[in-house]
């Protein structure tokens, strides 16, 4: 059974990486779907190796009830590759690629950077978490997969294809972040100028700092070296907003700034 599982993980990982490289949709799941998080992360870990690019950060997503209890976790993670991270000033709107025929969404997120040199233990509170960070920025996660059922099929499917990440727009540093209550900032999301969601990070379990703690524990358990520094895209604040090629997305962090982008079709690479 172990050999069969390993062969399936390798098959699914190769299929997802190939589809992403070719910018081709996968209308059906490319193999035996994982049934638990361990199997899903085995596929993701194999795909990271096959892909070969440098992982500069990680996205964190929420696992809602009742699946959180069934799966034994209330969050999930996926890699963000260096080449898919784009810096943008408040007056810039970079073009971000998504997979046509697959799934595509945009999410307003806070991006937290774990400073190089961290080796554990994982902090247990916000003060301890702040102490291992050296930057917090405003951002947008582009969630996209060649497989259109990446979200509707559940968290383990999401995990198996890089956590459904396709890119990150890294905005300006949140001024004075060390002294701010990140969960008190009102965030609004717009598509083509129409508001599609508004909320604060207070709705996100134990907030952005909790997302950092989850991710570090998750990565260390999986055997990843976290000592080189990494970005954490800490979770959708206003929701996961479906978006199409040609549309624009704007994330407004009230009193703090905004981040914008437009969406284009992914090209083969």
Protein backbone atom coordinates (compact mmCIF):
# COMPACT_ATOMS: atom_id res chain seq x y z
CA UNK A 1 0.00 0.00 0.00
CA UNK A 2 2.84 2.37 0.83
CA UNK A 3 4.38 1.88 -2.62
CA UNK A 4 0.99 2.47 -4.27
CA UNK A 5 0.49 5.66 -2.30
CA UNK A 6 3.98 6.88 -3.20
CA UNK A 7 3.40 6.11 -6.88
CA UNK A 8 0.08 7.95 -6.84
CA UNK A 9 1.62 10.96 -5.08
CA UNK A 10 4.34 11.08 -7.72
CA UNK A 11 1.80 10.74 -10.54
CA UNK A 12 -0.49 13.50 -9.22
CA UNK A 13 2.42 15.81 -8.43
CA UNK A 14 3.89 15.44 -11.92
CA UNK A 15 0.48 16.05 -13.50
CA UNK A 16 -0.11 19.27 -11.57
CA UNK A 17 3.39 20.61 -12.19
CA UNK A 18 3.15 19.77 -15.90
CA UNK A 19 -0.26 21.44 -16.21
CA UNK A 20 1.02 24.57 -14.48
CA UNK A 21 4.12 24.69 -16.71
CA UNK A 22 1.98 24.25 -19.82
CA UNK A 23 -0.77 26.59 -18.54
CA UNK A 24 -3.32 23.90 -19.40
CA UNK A 25 -6.50 23.10 -17.50
CA UNK A 26 -7.04 19.70 -15.86
CA UNK A 27 -10.80 19.02 -16.14
CA UNK A 28 -10.59 15.99 -13.82
CA UNK A 29 -8.39 15.28 -10.81
CA UNK A 30 -5.22 13.64 -12.16
CA UNK A 31 -5.09 10.48 -10.07
CA UNK A 32 -6.45 9.04 -6.85
CA UNK A 33 -7.60 11.93 -4.66
CA UNK A 34 -6.00 12.07 -1.20
CA UNK A 35 -8.30 11.36 1.74
CA UNK A 36 -6.30 12.98 4.53
CA UNK A 37 -3.86 15.85 5.04
CA UNK A 38 -0.81 13.61 5.32
CA UNK A 39 -1.45 12.16 1.86
CA UNK A 40 -2.18 15.62 0.46
CA UNK A 41 1.04 17.11 1.83
CA UNK A 42 2.96 14.12 0.45
CA UNK A 43 1.76 15.15 -3.02
CA UNK A 44 2.56 18.81 -2.37
CA UNK A 45 6.05 18.03 -1.07
CA UNK A 46 6.81 15.87 -4.10
CA UNK A 47 5.50 18.59 -6.44
CA UNK A 48 7.79 21.19 -4.83
CA UNK A 49 10.77 18.98 -5.63
CA UNK A 50 9.62 18.31 -9.20
CA UNK A 51 8.92 22.01 -9.82
CA UNK A 52 12.40 22.94 -8.67
CA UNK A 53 11.86 26.65 -8.10
CA UNK A 54 12.87 28.43 -4.92
CA UNK A 55 10.08 28.71 -2.34
CA UNK A 56 10.16 32.25 -0.93
CA UNK A 57 6.95 32.12 1.09
CA UNK A 58 3.87 30.14 2.04
CA UNK A 59 0.14 30.76 1.89
CA UNK A 60 -2.09 29.85 4.81
CA UNK A 61 -5.77 29.05 4.31
CA UNK A 62 -8.58 28.17 6.65
CA UNK A 63 -10.24 24.77 7.04
CA UNK A 64 -13.82 25.32 8.15
CA UNK A 65 -16.00 23.18 10.40
CA UNK A 66 -16.82 20.34 10.38
CA UNK A 67 -13.83 19.36 8.26
CA UNK A 68 -11.39 20.93 10.71
CA UNK A 69 -12.37 18.36 13.32
CA UNK A 70 -12.36 15.50 10.83
CA UNK A 71 -8.93 16.40 9.43
CA UNK A 72 -7.33 17.46 12.72
CA UNK A 73 -6.37 20.98 11.57
CA UNK A 74 -8.11 24.31 11.07
CA UNK A 75 -5.57 25.68 8.57
CA UNK A 76 -3.64 24.50 5.52
CA UNK A 77 -0.51 25.66 3.73
CA UNK A 78 1.00 25.84 0.26
CA UNK A 79 4.23 27.16 -1.27
CA UNK A 80 4.68 30.53 -2.95
CA UNK A 81 7.53 30.47 -5.45
CA UNK A 82 9.93 33.37 -5.75
CA UNK A 83 9.12 34.02 -9.41
CA UNK A 84 5.42 34.43 -8.65
CA UNK A 85 5.88 37.21 -6.07
CA UNK A 86 5.50 40.72 -7.46
CA UNK A 87 6.21 43.94 -5.56
CA UNK A 88 3.75 46.78 -6.11
CA UNK A 89 3.55 50.32 -4.82
CA UNK A 90 0.11 51.75 -4.04
CA UNK A 91 -0.13 53.35 -7.50
CA UNK A 92 0.85 50.18 -9.40
CA UNK A 93 -1.37 47.35 -10.64
CA UNK A 94 0.78 44.44 -11.83
CA UNK A 95 -0.66 41.80 -14.13
CA UNK A 96 -1.05 38.46 -12.35
CA UNK A 97 -1.55 35.22 -14.33
CA UNK A 98 -4.27 32.64 -13.62
CA UNK A 99 -5.11 29.31 -15.25
CA UNK A 100 -7.88 29.65 -17.82
CA UNK A 101 -10.31 26.75 -17.54
CA UNK A 102 -9.23 26.08 -13.98
CA UNK A 103 -9.91 28.01 -10.78
CA UNK A 104 -9.03 31.66 -10.16
CA UNK A 105 -9.63 33.97 -7.20
CA UNK A 106 -8.09 36.95 -5.45
CA UNK A 107 -7.80 37.49 -1.71
CA UNK A 108 -6.89 40.48 0.46
CA UNK A 109 -4.22 39.31 2.90
CA UNK A 110 -1.61 40.51 5.36
CA UNK A 111 1.90 39.34 4.58
CA UNK A 112 4.23 38.68 7.50
CA UNK A 113 7.94 37.96 7.15
CA UNK A 114 9.73 35.62 9.53
CA UNK A 115 13.26 36.99 9.95
CA UNK A 116 16.23 34.82 8.98
CA UNK A 117 17.72 32.89 11.87
CA UNK A 118 14.56 31.39 13.38
CA UNK A 119 15.06 27.77 14.36
CA UNK A 120 12.37 27.19 17.00
CA UNK A 121 10.63 26.68 19.24
CA UNK A 122 7.42 28.04 17.72
CA UNK A 123 6.15 31.03 19.73
CA UNK A 124 3.06 30.50 21.84
CA UNK A 125 1.62 34.04 21.80
CA UNK A 126 1.46 37.20 19.69
CA UNK A 127 4.30 38.96 21.54
CA UNK A 128 6.61 36.06 20.89
CA UNK A 129 5.53 35.94 17.26
CA UNK A 130 6.15 39.66 16.72
CA UNK A 131 9.66 39.14 18.07
CA UNK A 132 10.60 36.77 15.22
CA UNK A 133 9.20 39.01 12.44
CA UNK A 134 10.99 41.81 10.59
CA UNK A 135 8.29 43.04 8.18
CA UNK A 136 4.52 43.14 7.68
CA UNK A 137 3.02 44.21 4.37
CA UNK A 138 -0.33 44.64 2.71
CA UNK A 139 -0.98 42.13 -0.03
CA UNK A 140 -3.10 40.12 -2.42
CA UNK A 141 -2.90 36.38 -2.89
CA UNK A 142 -3.77 35.07 -6.33
CA UNK A 143 -5.35 31.66 -5.84
CA UNK A 144 -5.40 29.64 -9.04
CA UNK A 145 -5.11 26.02 -10.13
CA UNK A 146 -5.42 24.17 -13.43
CA UNK A 147 -8.04 22.00 -11.70
CA UNK A 148 -11.42 23.81 -11.45
CA UNK A 149 -12.56 21.75 -8.44
CA UNK A 150 -9.58 22.74 -6.30
CA UNK A 151 -11.75 24.53 -3.71
CA UNK A 152 -15.11 22.82 -4.00
CA UNK A 153 -13.57 19.35 -3.58
CA UNK A 154 -12.28 20.21 -0.11
CA UNK A 155 -9.11 21.10 1.79
CA UNK A 156 -7.10 17.96 1.05
CA UNK A 157 -7.52 18.57 -2.69
CA UNK A 158 -6.53 22.21 -2.18
CA UNK A 159 -3.36 21.15 -0.35
CA UNK A 160 -2.40 18.69 -3.06
CA UNK A 161 -1.95 21.42 -5.70
CA UNK A 162 0.30 23.91 -3.94
CA UNK A 163 -2.53 25.03 -1.65
CA UNK A 164 -4.18 26.65 -4.69
CA UNK A 165 -1.57 29.41 -4.86
CA UNK A 166 -0.47 31.02 -8.12
CA UNK A 167 1.11 34.26 -6.98
CA UNK A 168 1.42 37.07 -4.50
CA UNK A 169 1.25 40.84 -4.84
CA UNK A 170 3.46 42.29 -2.13
CA UNK A 171 2.45 45.84 -1.27
CA UNK A 172 4.01 48.43 0.98
CA UNK A 173 5.14 47.83 4.53
CA UNK A 174 2.44 48.46 7.12
CA UNK A 175 3.88 51.47 8.95
CA UNK A 176 4.33 50.95 12.69
CA UNK A 177 3.04 47.38 12.48
CA UNK A 178 4.70 46.37 15.75
CA UNK A 179 2.36 48.65 17.68
CA UNK A 180 -0.82 48.06 15.68
CA UNK A 181 -3.66 45.66 16.34
CA UNK A 182 -3.72 43.88 12.99
CA UNK A 183 -7.14 42.45 13.77
CA UNK A 184 -8.67 45.93 14.11
CA UNK A 185 -7.92 47.11 10.57
CA UNK A 186 -10.99 47.14 8.31
CA UNK A 187 -10.24 45.59 4.93
CA UNK A 188 -12.34 45.98 1.76
CA UNK A 189 -12.01 44.04 -1.48
CA UNK A 190 -13.16 45.29 -4.88
CA UNK A 191 -13.40 43.69 -8.32
CA UNK A 192 -13.61 46.20 -11.17
CA UNK A 193 -14.46 48.89 -8.62
CA UNK A 194 -17.37 47.01 -7.03
CA UNK A 195 -17.02 45.99 -3.40
CA UNK A 196 -17.18 42.21 -2.99
CA UNK A 197 -16.29 41.87 0.68
CA UNK A 198 -15.37 43.71 3.86
CA UNK A 199 -14.10 42.39 7.20
CA UNK A 200 -11.27 42.49 9.71
CA UNK A 201 -8.67 39.85 10.50
CA UNK A 202 -10.46 39.31 13.82
CA UNK A 203 -12.62 36.75 11.96
CA UNK A 204 -9.52 34.66 11.12
CA UNK A 205 -9.23 32.24 14.06
CA UNK A 206 -6.31 33.61 16.13
CA UNK A 207 -5.41 36.19 13.50
CA UNK A 208 -2.35 36.75 11.29
CA UNK A 209 0.10 35.97 14.08
CA UNK A 210 -1.68 32.69 14.70
CA UNK A 211 -1.25 31.89 11.01
CA UNK A 212 2.51 32.34 11.40
CA UNK A 213 2.59 29.97 14.35
CA UNK A 214 0.56 27.37 12.48
CA UNK A 215 2.78 27.58 9.42
CA UNK A 216 6.05 27.25 11.29
CA UNK A 217 4.79 24.20 13.16
CA UNK A 218 3.44 22.71 9.92
CA UNK A 219 6.71 23.22 8.01
CA UNK A 220 8.95 21.99 10.79
CA UNK A 221 6.85 18.85 11.18
CA UNK A 222 7.25 18.25 7.43
CA UNK A 223 11.03 18.64 7.64
CA UNK A 224 11.45 22.04 5.98
CA UNK A 225 14.28 24.36 7.01
CA UNK A 226 12.67 27.62 8.15
CA UNK A 227 15.86 29.37 9.23
CA UNK A 228 16.41 31.32 6.01
CA UNK A 229 13.45 33.66 6.45
CA UNK A 230 10.07 33.33 4.74
CA UNK A 231 6.92 35.22 3.84
CA UNK A 232 3.58 34.16 5.27
CA UNK A 233 0.43 35.08 3.34
CA UNK A 234 -1.73 34.78 6.41
CA UNK A 235 -5.20 34.07 5.01
CA UNK A 236 -8.14 35.63 3.18
CA UNK A 237 -9.60 38.45 5.27
CA UNK A 238 -12.69 39.34 3.22
CA UNK A 239 -13.15 35.98 1.52
CA UNK A 240 -12.04 34.06 -1.55
CA UNK A 241 -13.30 36.14 -4.48
CA UNK A 242 -13.61 34.43 -7.86
CA UNK A 243 -12.04 36.50 -10.61
CA UNK A 244 -11.70 36.25 -14.39
CA UNK A 245 -9.10 37.24 -16.95
CA UNK A 246 -9.40 40.94 -17.72
CA UNK A 247 -10.73 41.93 -14.31
CA UNK A 248 -8.97 44.03 -11.69
CA UNK A 249 -8.75 43.58 -7.93
CA UNK A 250 -8.20 46.17 -5.22
CA UNK A 251 -7.58 45.51 -1.53
CA UNK A 252 -8.08 48.53 0.71
CA UNK A 253 -6.71 48.45 4.25
CA UNK A 254 -8.52 51.39 5.87
CA UNK A 255 -6.11 54.04 7.13
CA UNK A 256 -3.09 51.96 6.07
CA UNK A 257 -2.98 51.77 2.29
CA UNK A 258 -4.10 49.61 -0.61
CA UNK A 259 -2.86 47.01 -3.09
CA UNK A 260 -4.08 46.51 -6.67
CA UNK A 261 -3.58 44.13 -9.58
CA UNK A 262 -5.18 42.94 -12.78
CA UNK A 263 -5.62 39.36 -13.95
CA UNK A 264 -4.28 37.88 -17.18
CA UNK A 265 -4.15 34.38 -18.67
CA UNK A 266 -1.16 32.29 -17.65
CA UNK A 267 1.30 31.45 -20.43
CA UNK A 268 3.39 28.30 -20.78
CA UNK A 269 6.82 28.55 -19.19
